[in-house]
Protein backbone atom coordinates (compact mmCIF):
# COMPACT_ATOMS: atom_id res chain seq x y z
CA MET A 1 7.46 -40.76 85.34
CA THR A 2 5.74 -38.61 82.85
CA TYR A 3 7.88 -38.21 80.08
CA THR A 4 7.44 -35.81 76.85
CA HIS A 5 10.37 -36.31 74.68
CA LEU A 6 11.57 -39.72 73.38
CA LEU A 7 14.90 -39.98 71.89
CA PHE A 8 15.35 -42.95 69.60
CA ASP A 9 18.58 -44.68 68.49
CA ALA A 10 18.09 -45.29 64.54
CA ASP A 11 19.75 -49.17 63.89
CA ASP A 12 18.47 -52.14 65.11
CA THR A 13 16.30 -49.71 67.84
CA LEU A 14 14.19 -48.43 64.61
CA PHE A 15 15.69 -49.33 61.46
CA ASP A 16 17.03 -53.18 60.41
CA TYR A 17 20.30 -52.59 59.76
CA PRO A 18 21.59 -56.38 58.72
CA LYS A 19 19.17 -56.36 56.14
CA ALA A 20 20.27 -53.12 54.61
CA GLU A 21 23.73 -53.53 55.35
CA ASN A 22 23.49 -56.93 53.40
CA HIS A 23 21.57 -55.70 50.16
CA ALA A 24 24.58 -52.93 50.42
CA LEU A 25 27.44 -55.16 51.17
CA SER A 26 26.61 -57.97 48.84
CA ARG A 27 26.17 -55.24 45.84
CA THR A 28 29.40 -53.54 46.42
CA LEU A 29 31.30 -56.13 46.76
CA THR A 30 30.06 -58.12 43.72
CA GLU A 31 31.01 -54.99 41.81
CA ALA A 32 33.83 -54.58 43.08
CA GLY A 33 35.26 -58.01 41.83
CA ILE A 34 35.47 -59.62 45.31
CA PRO A 35 33.34 -62.80 46.06
CA CYS A 36 30.28 -62.01 48.36
CA THR A 37 30.56 -65.54 50.75
CA ASP A 38 29.19 -66.11 53.86
CA ASP A 39 33.10 -66.25 55.39
CA VAL A 40 33.08 -62.78 53.50
CA MET A 41 30.30 -61.43 55.07
CA ARG A 42 31.44 -62.28 58.48
CA ALA A 43 34.65 -60.92 58.44
CA TYR A 44 33.38 -57.90 56.95
CA GLN A 45 31.44 -57.40 60.06
CA THR A 46 33.75 -58.20 62.49
CA ILE A 47 36.24 -55.63 61.13
CA ASN A 48 33.22 -52.87 60.92
CA GLN A 49 31.65 -54.16 64.26
CA GLN A 50 35.32 -53.84 66.00
CA LEU A 51 35.46 -50.01 64.17
CA TRP A 52 32.72 -48.89 65.65
CA ARG A 53 33.47 -49.88 68.78
CA ASP A 54 36.94 -47.97 68.60
CA LEU A 55 34.49 -45.08 67.29
CA GLU A 56 32.72 -44.62 70.93
CA GLN A 57 35.98 -45.05 72.47
CA GLY A 58 37.19 -42.31 70.28
CA LEU A 59 39.97 -44.30 69.41
CA VAL A 60 39.23 -43.76 65.52
CA THR A 61 37.31 -41.07 63.60
CA GLN A 62 34.71 -41.75 61.10
CA VAL A 63 35.87 -40.35 58.31
CA THR A 64 38.62 -43.28 58.98
CA LEU A 65 35.81 -45.71 59.29
CA ARG A 66 34.28 -45.41 56.55
CA THR A 67 37.60 -46.45 54.17
CA GLU A 68 39.27 -48.30 56.81
CA ARG A 69 36.80 -51.46 57.21
CA PHE A 70 37.55 -52.06 53.41
CA ALA A 71 41.52 -51.84 53.17
CA ARG A 72 41.46 -54.34 56.67
CA LEU A 73 38.91 -56.37 54.68
CA VAL A 74 40.78 -56.71 51.26
CA LYS A 75 44.15 -57.28 53.18
CA GLU A 76 42.29 -59.72 55.12
CA LEU A 77 41.02 -61.56 52.21
CA GLY A 78 44.28 -60.99 50.14
CA VAL A 79 42.53 -59.59 47.10
CA THR A 80 42.69 -57.19 44.41
CA PRO A 81 39.91 -55.47 43.69
CA ARG A 82 38.78 -53.56 40.72
CA SER A 83 37.93 -50.73 42.15
CA GLN A 84 40.15 -48.45 45.26
CA VAL A 85 38.75 -49.01 48.64
CA GLU A 86 37.72 -45.07 48.90
CA GLU A 87 35.20 -45.80 45.84
CA ILE A 88 34.17 -49.28 47.48
CA SER A 89 33.37 -46.95 50.59
CA GLU A 90 31.50 -44.10 48.43
CA ARG A 91 29.40 -47.02 46.52
CA TYR A 92 28.71 -48.77 49.70
CA LEU A 93 27.33 -45.83 51.63
CA GLU A 94 25.39 -45.20 48.51
CA LEU A 95 23.82 -48.63 48.74
CA LEU A 96 22.90 -48.40 52.59
CA GLY A 97 21.61 -44.96 52.40
CA GLU A 98 18.90 -47.39 50.03
CA GLY A 99 18.25 -49.35 52.68
CA THR A 100 14.52 -48.42 54.62
CA PHE A 101 14.05 -51.24 55.82
CA LEU A 102 12.03 -50.80 59.43
CA LEU A 103 11.71 -53.12 62.31
CA GLU A 104 8.60 -54.65 62.93
CA GLY A 105 6.30 -52.13 64.82
CA ALA A 106 8.27 -49.10 64.34
CA THR A 107 6.28 -47.32 62.48
CA GLU A 108 3.11 -48.23 64.27
CA LEU A 109 4.99 -47.16 67.60
CA CYS A 110 5.99 -43.86 66.13
CA ARG A 111 2.77 -43.21 64.73
CA GLU A 112 1.41 -43.42 68.12
CA LEU A 113 3.61 -41.95 70.21
CA GLN A 114 3.15 -38.83 68.10
CA GLU A 115 -0.74 -38.72 67.87
CA ALA A 116 -0.49 -39.08 71.50
CA GLY A 117 2.14 -35.76 71.86
CA PHE A 118 5.16 -36.56 72.31
CA HIS A 119 8.05 -34.98 71.06
CA LEU A 120 10.38 -37.93 69.19
CA ALA A 121 13.63 -37.26 68.08
CA ILE A 122 16.90 -39.87 67.06
CA ILE A 123 19.92 -39.96 68.09
CA THR A 124 22.83 -41.78 66.03
CA ASN A 125 26.70 -42.21 65.70
CA GLY A 126 25.70 -43.61 61.90
CA ILE A 127 26.85 -41.39 59.02
CA LYS A 128 24.97 -38.58 58.02
CA LYS A 129 24.23 -39.33 54.26
CA VAL A 130 23.44 -42.97 54.93
CA GLN A 131 21.09 -41.64 57.88
CA VAL A 132 19.26 -38.93 56.25
CA SER A 133 18.63 -41.20 53.60
CA ARG A 134 17.47 -43.98 55.01
CA ILE A 135 15.51 -41.28 57.37
CA ALA A 136 13.81 -39.48 54.68
CA GLY A 137 12.64 -42.38 52.31
CA SER A 138 10.82 -44.05 55.02
CA ALA A 139 7.55 -44.34 56.43
CA LEU A 140 8.92 -42.44 60.04
CA ALA A 141 10.19 -39.48 57.74
CA GLN A 142 7.42 -36.99 59.04
CA MET A 143 7.68 -38.61 62.40
CA PHE A 144 11.11 -36.65 64.32
CA GLU A 145 11.42 -33.36 65.49
CA ALA A 146 15.23 -33.25 65.21
CA VAL A 147 17.50 -36.08 63.86
CA ILE A 148 20.86 -36.15 65.76
CA VAL A 149 23.95 -37.15 63.87
CA SER A 150 27.16 -37.69 65.80
CA GLU A 151 29.02 -36.20 62.96
CA ASP A 152 27.30 -33.09 63.18
CA THR A 153 28.00 -32.98 66.71
CA GLY A 154 31.38 -33.95 67.00
CA TYR A 155 30.60 -36.44 69.45
CA SER A 156 29.73 -39.73 69.54
CA LYS A 157 28.13 -41.29 71.76
CA PRO A 158 28.15 -42.26 74.82
CA HIS A 159 30.19 -39.14 75.36
CA PRO A 160 27.87 -36.11 76.53
CA GLY A 161 28.52 -33.76 74.13
CA ILE A 162 26.28 -35.42 71.41
CA PHE A 163 22.94 -35.32 74.26
CA ASP A 164 24.03 -31.35 75.16
CA TYR A 165 23.25 -30.98 71.23
CA ALA A 166 19.96 -32.80 71.17
CA PHE A 167 18.87 -31.14 73.89
CA GLU A 168 19.36 -27.45 72.46
CA ALA A 169 18.14 -28.92 69.41
CA LEU A 170 14.85 -29.91 70.88
CA GLY A 171 14.99 -26.11 72.67
CA LEU A 172 15.49 -28.77 76.41
CA ARG A 173 17.60 -27.45 80.20
CA PRO A 174 19.44 -29.55 82.13
CA ALA A 175 16.75 -29.23 84.57
CA ASP A 176 14.24 -31.16 82.10
CA LYS A 177 16.24 -34.44 82.03
CA SER A 178 13.69 -35.92 84.14
CA ARG A 179 10.98 -35.48 81.10
CA VAL A 180 13.23 -37.63 78.96
CA LEU A 181 13.90 -41.04 78.06
CA ILE A 182 16.21 -42.71 75.41
CA VAL A 183 15.54 -45.61 73.80
CA GLY A 184 17.90 -48.29 72.31
CA ASP A 185 19.30 -51.70 71.72
CA SER A 186 23.35 -50.69 72.41
CA LEU A 187 24.25 -50.90 76.01
CA THR A 188 27.95 -49.08 75.33
CA SER A 189 26.24 -46.00 73.28
CA ASP A 190 22.90 -45.74 73.88
CA ILE A 191 22.22 -46.95 77.64
CA LYS A 192 25.60 -45.74 78.89
CA GLY A 193 25.35 -42.66 77.53
CA GLY A 194 21.86 -42.10 78.57
CA LEU A 195 22.65 -43.17 82.44
CA ASN A 196 25.84 -41.09 82.40
CA TYR A 197 24.09 -37.89 81.33
CA GLY A 198 20.87 -38.43 83.66
CA ILE A 199 18.28 -39.34 81.64
CA ASP A 200 15.83 -42.73 82.21
CA THR A 201 17.07 -45.27 79.60
CA CYS A 202 15.20 -48.13 78.22
CA TRP A 203 17.05 -50.94 77.05
CA TYR A 204 15.73 -52.58 73.59
CA ASN A 205 17.20 -56.16 73.75
CA PRO A 206 14.65 -58.57 71.88
CA ASN A 207 17.45 -61.25 71.39
CA ASP A 208 17.95 -61.21 75.99
CA ARG A 209 21.27 -60.62 75.45
CA PRO A 210 23.01 -60.51 79.03
CA ASN A 211 23.79 -56.76 80.70
CA THR A 212 27.52 -56.54 80.53
CA LEU A 213 27.47 -53.14 82.08
CA ASN A 214 27.89 -52.14 85.74
CA GLN A 215 25.07 -50.11 85.20
CA GLN A 216 21.55 -51.07 85.22
CA PRO A 217 18.99 -49.37 82.23
CA THR A 218 15.89 -47.92 83.82
CA TYR A 219 13.68 -49.83 81.78
CA GLU A 220 14.21 -53.21 80.04
CA ILE A 221 11.90 -54.53 76.55
CA ARG A 222 11.70 -57.27 74.14
CA HIS A 223 9.25 -55.45 72.14
CA LEU A 224 9.04 -52.30 70.77
CA ALA A 225 5.40 -52.12 71.51
CA GLU A 226 6.50 -51.69 75.15
CA VAL A 227 7.74 -48.63 74.60
CA LYS A 228 4.08 -47.14 74.72
CA THR A 229 3.20 -48.98 77.85
CA LEU A 230 6.22 -47.40 79.85
CA VAL A 231 5.45 -43.96 78.65
CA GLY A 232 1.62 -44.50 80.04
CA VAL A 233 -0.22 -44.79 75.83
CA GLY A 234 -2.82 -47.55 75.74
CA GLY A 235 -2.61 -48.30 79.91
CA SER A 236 -0.88 -47.43 82.95
CA PRO A 237 3.03 -47.02 83.20
CA SER A 238 5.16 -50.57 83.65
CA VAL A 239 8.80 -51.16 84.79
CA ASP A 240 10.72 -54.12 83.69
CA LEU A 241 14.13 -54.01 85.53
């Protein structure tokens, strides 16, 4: 397959989200007077992950998600923070936007793909002010022709609307789907969305998680550098199904 356009998810594909989350959450909770223990961090992550799954299914809006995760955390812990939930949310987003930590090999991969002439874009369900800040402050800042954020499109992956928006932003037509590959770590948003839209998918699965979908991604990789082989940079295309 000959690809010309590569769509990358951001968090846990190119960016080290857990590291950014820990950086922002520990400071936010400490400032709010909430003990930042391992148990508290795990409680937040459980709440947050469920809300993001709800977002993918259209059960909550992103605006609701921002504050609801902290409202639920405060209620579960039975604590009274120094700040209002809305203030805690805004402070967290501000600090999360500072988290420009990249996964190993992300910079080198994107640079080599760009130099090889591929058109690169990010497609993310993340919060716009956070993602724009993180991307702009990272080594990847000048490598993407478009940054497609669900907040701008009105749709979250896996909804086809966000892919329509991406195609329009990149000047692509429906007939160009065979030239587009999406790379992401999430089966339920990146891979399901890509498969349902009719484009090839590359599941970045560094921890060898089981496939819980009833569909198979086009490719499955353990290391980011394997993307180069798939698209024919530095070697012949190879498939790992």
